[in-house]
Amino acid sequence: MLPRLLVPENIASADGVGPVLELGADRETPIVLTLAIDRVVEQETLQVSIWGSADNQEWGPRPLTSFPPKSYCGIYSQLLNMARHKGVRYLRAEWKVSRWSNPASAPLFEFCLMAEESGLRLKRAVSSATRASEPAAAVA
């Protein structure tokens, strides 16, 4: 199931909701959420929250987690412990954008949000290192 994009590369000038991601069998695995902001206009804020649902209909009164408000380009990660949310089968991201100066002009953020199993990068690195250290097959 993971890694997957919760929000594909996106240019946002208004609040929005990303596509629904079905978690599949690994529903209690911790998930690393990585928010990558590639472009931003000064004096504005992006607030991203992650919502969970058991049935893809009801998303609850509160998000499972939220990133602190962001105003700069960068890569920001946080862990979502799915063991705390046992009934959740679906995830989606929501975002809100705002300007604190010149509110008459629209804010602009270019960003994406990835979800991946915690430890997946380490598992890949160990697997690659193991393959690289194995002796090559003899050529006859």
C-alpha atoms as a PDB file:
ATOM      1  CA  MET A   1       0.000   0.000   0.000  1.00  0.00           C
ATOM      2  CA  LEU A   2       2.630   2.540   0.975  1.00  0.00           C
ATOM      3  CA  PRO A   3       4.419   4.724  -0.113  1.00  0.00           C
ATOM      4  CA  ARG A   4       1.643   6.747  -1.721  1.00  0.00           C
ATOM      5  CA  LEU A   5       0.879  10.372  -2.399  1.00  0.00           C
ATOM      6  CA  LEU A   6      -1.877  11.725  -0.172  1.00  0.00           C
ATOM      7  CA  VAL A   7      -1.730  14.933  -2.203  1.00  0.00           C
ATOM      8  CA  PRO A   8      -0.086  14.757  -5.641  1.00  0.00           C
ATOM      9  CA  GLU A   9       1.930  17.790  -6.775  1.00  0.00           C
ATOM     10  CA  ASN A  10      -0.596  20.571  -6.338  1.00  0.00           C
ATOM     11  CA  ILE A  11      -0.817  24.333  -6.813  1.00  0.00           C
ATOM     12  CA  ALA A  12      -3.278  25.663  -4.244  1.00  0.00           C
ATOM     13  CA  SER A  13      -4.700  29.154  -4.040  1.00  0.00           C
ATOM     14  CA  ALA A  14      -7.744  28.073  -2.004  1.00  0.00           C
ATOM     15  CA  ASP A  15      -8.640  25.552   0.687  1.00  0.00           C
ATOM     16  CA  GLY A  16      -8.926  21.979  -0.545  1.00  0.00           C
ATOM     17  CA  VAL A  17      -9.242  18.255   0.088  1.00  0.00           C
ATOM     18  CA  GLY A  18      -6.994  15.536  -1.337  1.00  0.00           C
ATOM     19  CA  PRO A  19      -7.969  12.134  -2.681  1.00  0.00           C
ATOM     20  CA  VAL A  20      -8.929   9.291  -0.354  1.00  0.00           C
ATOM     21  CA  LEU A  21      -6.227   6.714   0.406  1.00  0.00           C
ATOM     22  CA  GLU A  22      -7.295   3.211   1.429  1.00  0.00           C
ATOM     23  CA  LEU A  23      -4.857   1.787   3.978  1.00  0.00           C
ATOM     24  CA  GLY A  24      -5.354  -1.912   3.213  1.00  0.00           C
ATOM     25  CA  ALA A  25      -4.057  -4.670   5.503  1.00  0.00           C
ATOM     26  CA  ASP A  26      -1.318  -2.651   7.234  1.00  0.00           C
ATOM     27  CA  ARG A  27      -3.742  -0.356   9.057  1.00  0.00           C
ATOM     28  CA  GLU A  28      -1.869  -0.273  12.377  1.00  0.00           C
ATOM     29  CA  THR A  29       1.589   0.394  10.929  1.00  0.00           C
ATOM     30  CA  PRO A  30       3.061   3.796  11.874  1.00  0.00           C
ATOM     31  CA  ILE A  31       3.061   6.149   8.887  1.00  0.00           C
ATOM     32  CA  VAL A  32       5.605   8.842   8.071  1.00  0.00           C
ATOM     33  CA  LEU A  33       3.913  11.868   6.514  1.00  0.00           C
ATOM     34  CA  THR A  34       6.188  14.092   4.422  1.00  0.00           C
ATOM     35  CA  LEU A  35       4.995  17.524   3.295  1.00  0.00           C
ATOM     36  CA  ALA A  36       7.115  19.073   0.541  1.00  0.00           C
ATOM     37  CA  ILE A  37       6.487  22.759  -0.193  1.00  0.00           C
ATOM     38  CA  ASP A  38       8.173  23.805  -3.442  1.00  0.00           C
ATOM     39  CA  ARG A  39       6.784  27.303  -3.984  1.00  0.00           C
ATOM     40  CA  VAL A  40       5.164  29.923  -1.800  1.00  0.00           C
ATOM     41  CA  VAL A  41       4.325  33.609  -2.023  1.00  0.00           C
ATOM     42  CA  GLU A  42       5.466  35.629   0.978  1.00  0.00           C
ATOM     43  CA  GLN A  43       3.231  36.437   3.937  1.00  0.00           C
ATOM     44  CA  GLU A  44       0.899  33.484   3.717  1.00  0.00           C
ATOM     45  CA  THR A  45       0.238  30.263   5.620  1.00  0.00           C
ATOM     46  CA  LEU A  46      -0.504  26.658   4.663  1.00  0.00           C
ATOM     47  CA  GLN A  47      -2.228  24.445   7.253  1.00  0.00           C
ATOM     48  CA  VAL A  48      -2.385  20.706   6.376  1.00  0.00           C
ATOM     49  CA  SER A  49      -4.366  18.179   8.423  1.00  0.00           C
ATOM     50  CA  ILE A  50      -4.833  14.415   8.043  1.00  0.00           C
ATOM     51  CA  TRP A  51      -8.300  12.938   8.558  1.00  0.00           C
ATOM     52  CA  GLY A  52      -9.289   9.309   9.084  1.00  0.00           C
ATOM     53  CA  SER A  53     -12.444   7.330   8.373  1.00  0.00           C
ATOM     54  CA  ALA A  54     -13.629   3.783   8.961  1.00  0.00           C
ATOM     55  CA  ASP A  55     -16.178   3.862   6.124  1.00  0.00           C
ATOM     56  CA  ASN A  56     -15.015   6.614   3.703  1.00  0.00           C
ATOM     57  CA  GLN A  57     -18.135   8.615   4.667  1.00  0.00           C
ATOM     58  CA  GLU A  58     -17.702   9.979   8.210  1.00  0.00           C
ATOM     59  CA  TRP A  59     -14.378  11.769   8.810  1.00  0.00           C
ATOM     60  CA  GLY A  60     -14.868  12.621  12.482  1.00  0.00           C
ATOM     61  CA  PRO A  61     -14.878  15.928  14.365  1.00  0.00           C
ATOM     62  CA  ARG A  62     -11.074  16.299  14.552  1.00  0.00           C
ATOM     63  CA  PRO A  63      -8.106  15.413  12.348  1.00  0.00           C
ATOM     64  CA  LEU A  64      -5.822  12.525  13.306  1.00  0.00           C
ATOM     65  CA  THR A  65      -2.884  14.938  13.108  1.00  0.00           C
ATOM     66  CA  SER A  66      -1.928  18.323  11.668  1.00  0.00           C
ATOM     67  CA  PHE A  67       1.268  19.931  10.536  1.00  0.00           C
ATOM     68  CA  PRO A  68       2.027  23.222  12.257  1.00  0.00           C
ATOM     69  CA  PRO A  69       1.226  26.178   9.959  1.00  0.00           C
ATOM     70  CA  LYS A  70       3.898  26.565   7.247  1.00  0.00           C
ATOM     71  CA  SER A  71       5.003  29.752   5.498  1.00  0.00           C
ATOM     72  CA  TYR A  72       8.244  28.662   3.816  1.00  0.00           C
ATOM     73  CA  CYS A  73       9.485  26.165   1.248  1.00  0.00           C
ATOM     74  CA  GLY A  74      10.924  23.004   2.739  1.00  0.00           C
ATOM     75  CA  ILE A  75      10.398  19.357   3.553  1.00  0.00           C
ATOM     76  CA  TYR A  76       8.575  18.613   6.794  1.00  0.00           C
ATOM     77  CA  SER A  77       7.924  15.137   8.226  1.00  0.00           C
ATOM     78  CA  GLN A  78       5.968  13.729  11.119  1.00  0.00           C
ATOM     79  CA  LEU A  79       4.902  10.322  12.389  1.00  0.00           C
ATOM     80  CA  LEU A  80       1.273   9.204  12.524  1.00  0.00           C
ATOM     81  CA  ASN A  81       0.861   6.287  14.948  1.00  0.00           C
ATOM     82  CA  MET A  82      -1.985   4.295  13.408  1.00  0.00           C
ATOM     83  CA  ALA A  83      -2.130   1.929  16.424  1.00  0.00           C
ATOM     84  CA  ARG A  84      -3.975   4.801  18.168  1.00  0.00           C
ATOM     85  CA  HIS A  85      -6.602   4.824  15.411  1.00  0.00           C
ATOM     86  CA  LYS A  86      -7.481   1.124  15.035  1.00  0.00           C
ATOM     87  CA  GLY A  87     -10.798   1.637  13.230  1.00  0.00           C
ATOM     88  CA  VAL A  88      -9.376   3.897  10.512  1.00  0.00           C
ATOM     89  CA  ARG A  89      -9.303   2.332   7.034  1.00  0.00           C
ATOM     90  CA  TYR A  90      -9.064   5.494   4.934  1.00  0.00           C
ATOM     91  CA  LEU A  91      -6.977   8.680   5.062  1.00  0.00           C
ATOM     92  CA  ARG A  92      -7.257  12.019   3.312  1.00  0.00           C
ATOM     93  CA  ALA A  93      -5.555  15.370   3.627  1.00  0.00           C
ATOM     94  CA  GLU A  94      -7.224  18.745   3.900  1.00  0.00           C
ATOM     95  CA  TRP A  95      -5.505  22.090   3.591  1.00  0.00           C
ATOM     96  CA  LYS A  96      -6.279  25.706   4.309  1.00  0.00           C
ATOM     97  CA  VAL A  97      -4.390  28.624   2.834  1.00  0.00           C
ATOM     98  CA  SER A  98      -4.459  32.234   3.999  1.00  0.00           C
ATOM     99  CA  ARG A  99      -2.587  35.512   3.668  1.00  0.00           C
ATOM    100  CA  TRP A 100      -1.843  37.726   6.626  1.00  0.00           C
ATOM    101  CA  SER A 101      -0.872  40.678   4.444  1.00  0.00           C
ATOM    102  CA  ASN A 102      -2.807  41.943   1.438  1.00  0.00           C
ATOM    103  CA  PRO A 103      -5.755  39.530   1.877  1.00  0.00           C
ATOM    104  CA  ALA A 104      -7.244  40.801  -1.404  1.00  0.00           C
ATOM    105  CA  SER A 105      -4.705  38.757  -3.403  1.00  0.00           C
ATOM    106  CA  ALA A 106      -4.952  34.978  -3.453  1.00  0.00           C
ATOM    107  CA  PRO A 107      -2.348  32.880  -1.644  1.00  0.00           C
ATOM    108  CA  LEU A 108      -0.265  30.440  -3.679  1.00  0.00           C
ATOM    109  CA  PHE A 109       1.387  27.221  -2.509  1.00  0.00           C
ATOM    110  CA  GLU A 110       2.885  24.435  -4.585  1.00  0.00           C
ATOM    111  CA  PHE A 111       3.158  21.298  -2.470  1.00  0.00           C
ATOM    112  CA  CYS A 112       2.678  17.543  -2.229  1.00  0.00           C
ATOM    113  CA  LEU A 113       2.168  15.154   0.669  1.00  0.00           C
ATOM    114  CA  MET A 114       3.505  11.587   0.822  1.00  0.00           C
ATOM    115  CA  ALA A 115       2.577   8.783   3.216  1.00  0.00           C
ATOM    116  CA  GLU A 116       4.927   5.849   3.721  1.00  0.00           C
ATOM    117  CA  GLU A 117       5.363   3.029   6.199  1.00  0.00           C
ATOM    118  CA  SER A 118       7.680   3.991   9.055  1.00  0.00           C
ATOM    119  CA  GLY A 119      11.078   2.339   8.600  1.00  0.00           C
ATOM    120  CA  LEU A 120      10.548   1.715   4.873  1.00  0.00           C
ATOM    121  CA  ARG A 121      13.612   3.761   3.853  1.00  0.00           C
ATOM    122  CA  LEU A 122      15.770   1.856   6.338  1.00  0.00           C
ATOM    123  CA  LYS A 123      14.446  -1.499   5.084  1.00  0.00           C
ATOM    124  CA  ARG A 124      15.288  -0.495   1.502  1.00  0.00           C
ATOM    125  CA  ALA A 125      18.786   0.632   2.477  1.00  0.00           C
ATOM    126  CA  VAL A 126      19.488  -2.610   4.366  1.00  0.00           C
ATOM    127  CA  SER A 127      18.136  -4.676   1.461  1.00  0.00           C
ATOM    128  CA  SER A 128      20.308  -2.779  -1.042  1.00  0.00           C
ATOM    129  CA  ALA A 129      23.391  -3.125   1.158  1.00  0.00           C
ATOM    130  CA  THR A 130      22.762  -6.856   1.577  1.00  0.00           C
ATOM    131  CA  ARG A 131      22.424  -7.373  -2.182  1.00  0.00           C
ATOM    132  CA  ALA A 132      25.576  -5.346  -2.855  1.00  0.00           C
ATOM    133  CA  SER A 133      27.618  -7.425  -0.391  1.00  0.00           C
ATOM    134  CA  GLU A 134      26.517 -10.787  -1.817  1.00  0.00           C
ATOM    135  CA  PRO A 135      29.109 -12.404  -4.090  1.00  0.00           C
ATOM    136  CA  ALA A 136      28.264 -12.319  -7.774  1.00  0.00           C
ATOM    137  CA  ALA A 137      27.234 -15.593  -9.360  1.00  0.00           C
ATOM    138  CA  ALA A 138      30.078 -17.422 -11.047  1.00  0.00           C
ATOM    139  CA  VAL A 139      30.101 -17.034 -14.801  1.00  0.00           C
ATOM    140  CA  ALA A 140      30.916 -20.250 -16.671  1.00  0.00           C
END
